[in-house]
Amino acid sequence: MSIMENGEEIENIILSDYDTEEEMHALFKEKGFEQLSAEEIKLKAEVKEERESAERDQAAEKRNQQKSSRMAEMRAEEEMKAKREMRKPEEVPEF
């Protein structure tokens, strides 16, 4: 098992050196790990999924707002172009 800190390995532990479950639990406790019940793990997973879902929703909303803004800009440009076209003097053919 590699223990990482800030993306760097700070310690490598050979788990096969531990013979009993009690020794393994003591090691994990010593290293700052906490044992969670199945219910606690499920709750953490649900909270994580809710957070990620909210983040996805926010990103989608931002994309929709950007798209709406771009579309409004395009409509405004088209309107300005149409007004300029209307103001142009008509070309009169010369005879």
N, C-alpha and C. Protein backbone atom coordinates (compact mmCIF):
# COMPACT_ATOMS: atom_id res chain seq x y z
N MET A 1 0.86 -1.16 0.00
CA MET A 1 0.00 0.00 0.00
C MET A 1 0.91 1.23 0.00
N SER A 2 0.58 2.17 -0.87
CA SER A 2 1.33 3.42 -0.93
C SER A 2 0.51 4.52 -0.26
N ILE A 3 1.13 5.26 0.61
CA ILE A 3 0.48 6.41 1.23
C ILE A 3 1.01 7.64 0.53
N MET A 4 0.07 8.40 0.00
CA MET A 4 0.42 9.56 -0.82
C MET A 4 0.08 10.85 -0.07
N GLU A 5 0.86 11.87 -0.34
CA GLU A 5 0.59 13.21 0.19
C GLU A 5 0.94 14.20 -0.90
N ASN A 6 -0.03 15.03 -1.28
CA ASN A 6 0.18 16.01 -2.34
C ASN A 6 0.71 15.37 -3.62
N GLY A 7 0.18 14.19 -3.94
CA GLY A 7 0.57 13.51 -5.17
C GLY A 7 1.91 12.79 -5.12
N GLU A 8 2.56 12.78 -3.97
CA GLU A 8 3.84 12.10 -3.84
C GLU A 8 3.74 10.98 -2.82
N GLU A 9 4.38 9.87 -3.15
CA GLU A 9 4.40 8.74 -2.22
C GLU A 9 5.30 9.09 -1.04
N ILE A 10 4.72 9.00 0.16
CA ILE A 10 5.53 9.30 1.35
C ILE A 10 5.87 8.04 2.15
N GLU A 11 5.10 6.96 1.85
CA GLU A 11 5.38 5.72 2.57
C GLU A 11 4.81 4.55 1.77
N ASN A 12 5.54 3.44 1.78
CA ASN A 12 5.08 2.22 1.13
C ASN A 12 5.05 1.12 2.18
N ILE A 13 3.91 0.48 2.31
CA ILE A 13 3.75 -0.55 3.34
C ILE A 13 3.39 -1.87 2.66
N ILE A 14 4.06 -2.93 3.04
CA ILE A 14 3.78 -4.27 2.51
C ILE A 14 2.69 -4.88 3.38
N LEU A 15 1.48 -4.94 2.84
CA LEU A 15 0.35 -5.42 3.63
C LEU A 15 0.45 -6.92 3.93
N SER A 16 1.12 -7.64 3.10
CA SER A 16 1.26 -9.09 3.35
C SER A 16 2.11 -9.37 4.59
N ASP A 17 2.79 -8.35 5.11
CA ASP A 17 3.57 -8.52 6.34
C ASP A 17 2.68 -8.61 7.57
N TYR A 18 1.41 -8.27 7.43
CA TYR A 18 0.49 -8.28 8.56
C TYR A 18 -0.35 -9.55 8.49
N ASP A 19 -0.30 -10.32 9.58
CA ASP A 19 -0.92 -11.65 9.58
C ASP A 19 -2.38 -11.66 9.99
N THR A 20 -2.76 -10.74 10.86
CA THR A 20 -4.14 -10.81 11.38
C THR A 20 -4.92 -9.54 11.02
N GLU A 21 -6.22 -9.70 11.09
CA GLU A 21 -7.10 -8.56 10.84
C GLU A 21 -6.86 -7.47 11.89
N GLU A 22 -6.60 -7.86 13.12
CA GLU A 22 -6.36 -6.89 14.19
C GLU A 22 -5.11 -6.07 13.90
N GLU A 23 -4.04 -6.73 13.43
CA GLU A 23 -2.81 -6.00 13.08
C GLU A 23 -3.08 -5.01 11.94
N MET A 24 -3.86 -5.45 10.97
CA MET A 24 -4.19 -4.59 9.83
C MET A 24 -5.01 -3.39 10.30
N HIS A 25 -6.01 -3.63 11.15
CA HIS A 25 -6.83 -2.54 11.67
C HIS A 25 -5.98 -1.56 12.48
N ALA A 26 -5.06 -2.08 13.27
CA ALA A 26 -4.19 -1.21 14.07
C ALA A 26 -3.32 -0.35 13.15
N LEU A 27 -2.81 -0.94 12.07
CA LEU A 27 -2.00 -0.19 11.10
C LEU A 27 -2.81 0.95 10.50
N PHE A 28 -4.00 0.61 10.03
CA PHE A 28 -4.83 1.64 9.40
C PHE A 28 -5.17 2.76 10.39
N LYS A 29 -5.46 2.38 11.63
CA LYS A 29 -5.77 3.39 12.65
C LYS A 29 -4.55 4.27 12.90
N GLU A 30 -3.39 3.66 12.99
CA GLU A 30 -2.13 4.39 13.20
C GLU A 30 -1.88 5.39 12.07
N LYS A 31 -2.25 5.01 10.86
CA LYS A 31 -2.02 5.87 9.69
C LYS A 31 -3.12 6.91 9.49
N GLY A 32 -4.11 6.91 10.37
CA GLY A 32 -5.14 7.95 10.30
C GLY A 32 -6.39 7.58 9.53
N PHE A 33 -6.49 6.32 9.14
CA PHE A 33 -7.70 5.87 8.45
C PHE A 33 -8.79 5.64 9.48
N GLU A 34 -10.04 5.75 9.02
CA GLU A 34 -11.15 5.45 9.91
C GLU A 34 -12.00 4.36 9.29
N GLN A 35 -12.50 3.49 10.13
CA GLN A 35 -13.34 2.40 9.65
C GLN A 35 -14.78 2.89 9.62
N LEU A 36 -15.43 2.72 8.47
CA LEU A 36 -16.80 3.16 8.30
C LEU A 36 -17.71 1.96 8.16
N SER A 37 -18.93 2.13 8.67
CA SER A 37 -19.92 1.07 8.50
C SER A 37 -20.43 1.12 7.06
N ALA A 38 -21.11 0.08 6.65
CA ALA A 38 -21.68 0.04 5.30
C ALA A 38 -22.66 1.20 5.11
N GLU A 39 -23.40 1.52 6.15
CA GLU A 39 -24.36 2.64 6.07
C GLU A 39 -23.63 3.97 5.89
N GLU A 40 -22.52 4.16 6.60
CA GLU A 40 -21.75 5.40 6.46
C GLU A 40 -21.15 5.52 5.06
N ILE A 41 -20.68 4.40 4.52
CA ILE A 41 -20.12 4.41 3.17
C ILE A 41 -21.21 4.77 2.17
N LYS A 42 -22.39 4.17 2.34
CA LYS A 42 -23.51 4.44 1.44
C LYS A 42 -23.91 5.92 1.51
N LEU A 43 -23.97 6.47 2.72
CA LEU A 43 -24.34 7.87 2.89
C LEU A 43 -23.31 8.79 2.23
N LYS A 44 -22.02 8.49 2.42
CA LYS A 44 -20.98 9.31 1.79
C LYS A 44 -21.11 9.26 0.26
N ALA A 45 -21.40 8.08 -0.27
CA ALA A 45 -21.55 7.93 -1.72
C ALA A 45 -22.76 8.73 -2.21
N GLU A 46 -23.85 8.72 -1.46
CA GLU A 46 -25.04 9.47 -1.84
C GLU A 46 -24.77 10.98 -1.82
N VAL A 47 -24.08 11.43 -0.78
CA VAL A 47 -23.74 12.86 -0.68
C VAL A 47 -22.84 13.26 -1.84
N LYS A 48 -21.87 12.41 -2.16
CA LYS A 48 -20.97 12.70 -3.29
C LYS A 48 -21.75 12.77 -4.59
N GLU A 49 -22.66 11.83 -4.81
CA GLU A 49 -23.46 11.82 -6.05
C GLU A 49 -24.34 13.06 -6.14
N GLU A 50 -24.94 13.46 -5.02
CA GLU A 50 -25.76 14.67 -5.01
C GLU A 50 -24.93 15.90 -5.36
N ARG A 51 -23.74 15.99 -4.80
CA ARG A 51 -22.86 17.12 -5.07
C ARG A 51 -22.46 17.14 -6.55
N GLU A 52 -22.07 15.98 -7.07
CA GLU A 52 -21.67 15.90 -8.47
C GLU A 52 -22.84 16.20 -9.40
N SER A 53 -24.03 15.75 -9.03
CA SER A 53 -25.22 16.03 -9.83
C SER A 53 -25.51 17.53 -9.85
N ALA A 54 -25.38 18.17 -8.69
CA ALA A 54 -25.59 19.62 -8.62
C ALA A 54 -24.56 20.36 -9.47
N GLU A 55 -23.32 19.89 -9.44
CA GLU A 55 -22.26 20.51 -10.25
C GLU A 55 -22.56 20.34 -11.74
N ARG A 56 -23.04 19.14 -12.14
CA ARG A 56 -23.40 18.91 -13.55
C ARG A 56 -24.55 19.83 -13.95
N ASP A 57 -25.54 19.96 -13.07
CA ASP A 57 -26.68 20.84 -13.35
C ASP A 57 -26.23 22.29 -13.52
N GLN A 58 -25.32 22.73 -12.65
CA GLN A 58 -24.81 24.10 -12.74
C GLN A 58 -24.05 24.31 -14.05
N ALA A 59 -23.26 23.33 -14.43
CA ALA A 59 -22.50 23.44 -15.68
C ALA A 59 -23.45 23.49 -16.87
N ALA A 60 -24.49 22.67 -16.85
CA ALA A 60 -25.47 22.67 -17.94
C ALA A 60 -26.20 24.01 -18.01
N GLU A 61 -26.56 24.55 -16.86
CA GLU A 61 -27.23 25.85 -16.83
C GLU A 61 -26.33 26.95 -17.39
N LYS A 62 -25.07 26.89 -17.04
CA LYS A 62 -24.11 27.88 -17.54
C LYS A 62 -24.00 27.78 -19.06
N ARG A 63 -23.92 26.53 -19.57
CA ARG A 63 -23.85 26.35 -21.03
C ARG A 63 -25.11 26.89 -21.70
N ASN A 64 -26.27 26.64 -21.10
CA ASN A 64 -27.53 27.14 -21.66
C ASN A 64 -27.56 28.67 -21.68
N GLN A 65 -27.08 29.28 -20.61
CA GLN A 65 -27.04 30.74 -20.56
C GLN A 65 -26.10 31.30 -21.62
N GLN A 66 -24.96 30.66 -21.79
CA GLN A 66 -24.01 31.11 -22.80
C GLN A 66 -24.61 30.96 -24.20
N LYS A 67 -25.31 29.85 -24.43
CA LYS A 67 -25.93 29.64 -25.73
C LYS A 67 -27.01 30.69 -25.98
N SER A 68 -27.83 30.96 -24.97
CA SER A 68 -28.87 31.98 -25.11
C SER A 68 -28.28 33.35 -25.39
N SER A 69 -27.19 33.66 -24.72
CA SER A 69 -26.52 34.94 -24.92
C SER A 69 -25.98 35.05 -26.34
N ARG A 70 -25.35 33.98 -26.83
CA ARG A 70 -24.83 33.98 -28.21
C ARG A 70 -25.96 34.14 -29.21
N MET A 71 -27.08 33.46 -28.96
CA MET A 71 -28.21 33.56 -29.88
C MET A 71 -28.79 34.97 -29.88
N ALA A 72 -28.87 35.59 -28.70
CA ALA A 72 -29.37 36.97 -28.62
C ALA A 72 -28.44 37.92 -29.37
N GLU A 73 -27.14 37.70 -29.22
CA GLU A 73 -26.16 38.53 -29.95
C GLU A 73 -26.32 38.36 -31.46
N MET A 74 -26.53 37.14 -31.90
CA MET A 74 -26.70 36.89 -33.33
C MET A 74 -27.97 37.56 -33.85
N ARG A 75 -29.06 37.49 -33.06
CA ARG A 75 -30.30 38.15 -33.48
C ARG A 75 -30.11 39.66 -33.57
N ALA A 76 -29.42 40.22 -32.60
CA ALA A 76 -29.18 41.67 -32.59
C ALA A 76 -28.34 42.06 -33.81
N GLU A 77 -27.33 41.25 -34.13
CA GLU A 77 -26.51 41.55 -35.31
C GLU A 77 -27.34 41.47 -36.58
N GLU A 78 -28.22 40.48 -36.66
CA GLU A 78 -29.07 40.35 -37.85
C GLU A 78 -30.02 41.54 -37.97
N GLU A 79 -30.56 41.98 -36.84
CA GLU A 79 -31.46 43.15 -36.86
C GLU A 79 -30.71 44.40 -37.31
N MET A 80 -29.49 44.58 -36.79
CA MET A 80 -28.69 45.74 -37.19
C MET A 80 -28.37 45.67 -38.68
N LYS A 81 -28.06 44.50 -39.16
CA LYS A 81 -27.76 44.33 -40.58
C LYS A 81 -28.98 44.66 -41.42
N ALA A 82 -30.15 44.21 -40.99
CA ALA A 82 -31.38 44.49 -41.72
C ALA A 82 -31.68 45.99 -41.74
N LYS A 83 -31.45 46.66 -40.64
CA LYS A 83 -31.68 48.12 -40.58
C LYS A 83 -30.71 48.85 -41.51
N ARG A 84 -29.45 48.42 -41.53
CA ARG A 84 -28.48 49.05 -42.44
C ARG A 84 -28.90 48.84 -43.89
N GLU A 85 -29.38 47.66 -44.20
CA GLU A 85 -29.81 47.37 -45.56
C GLU A 85 -30.98 48.27 -45.95
N MET A 86 -31.87 48.54 -45.01
CA MET A 86 -33.03 49.39 -45.30
C MET A 86 -32.61 50.84 -45.52
N ARG A 87 -31.54 51.28 -44.89
CA ARG A 87 -31.08 52.67 -45.00
C ARG A 87 -30.29 52.94 -46.27
N LYS A 88 -29.77 51.91 -46.91
CA LYS A 88 -28.95 52.10 -48.09
C LYS A 88 -29.79 52.76 -49.19
N PRO A 89 -29.25 53.74 -49.84
CA PRO A 89 -29.99 54.33 -50.96
C PRO A 89 -30.09 53.29 -52.07
N GLU A 90 -31.21 53.32 -52.70
CA GLU A 90 -31.41 52.37 -53.78
C GLU A 90 -30.50 52.72 -54.93
N GLU A 91 -29.96 51.72 -55.50
CA GLU A 91 -29.11 51.95 -56.65
C GLU A 91 -29.99 52.16 -57.87
N VAL A 92 -29.75 53.24 -58.52
CA VAL A 92 -30.52 53.57 -59.72
C VAL A 92 -29.65 53.27 -60.92
N PRO A 93 -30.16 52.44 -61.80
CA PRO A 93 -29.33 52.13 -62.97
C PRO A 93 -29.18 53.35 -63.86
N GLU A 94 -28.01 53.53 -64.35
CA GLU A 94 -27.75 54.65 -65.24
C GLU A 94 -28.08 54.26 -66.67
N PHE A 95 -28.68 55.20 -67.39
CA PHE A 95 -29.03 54.96 -68.79
C PHE A 95 -28.21 55.82 -69.68
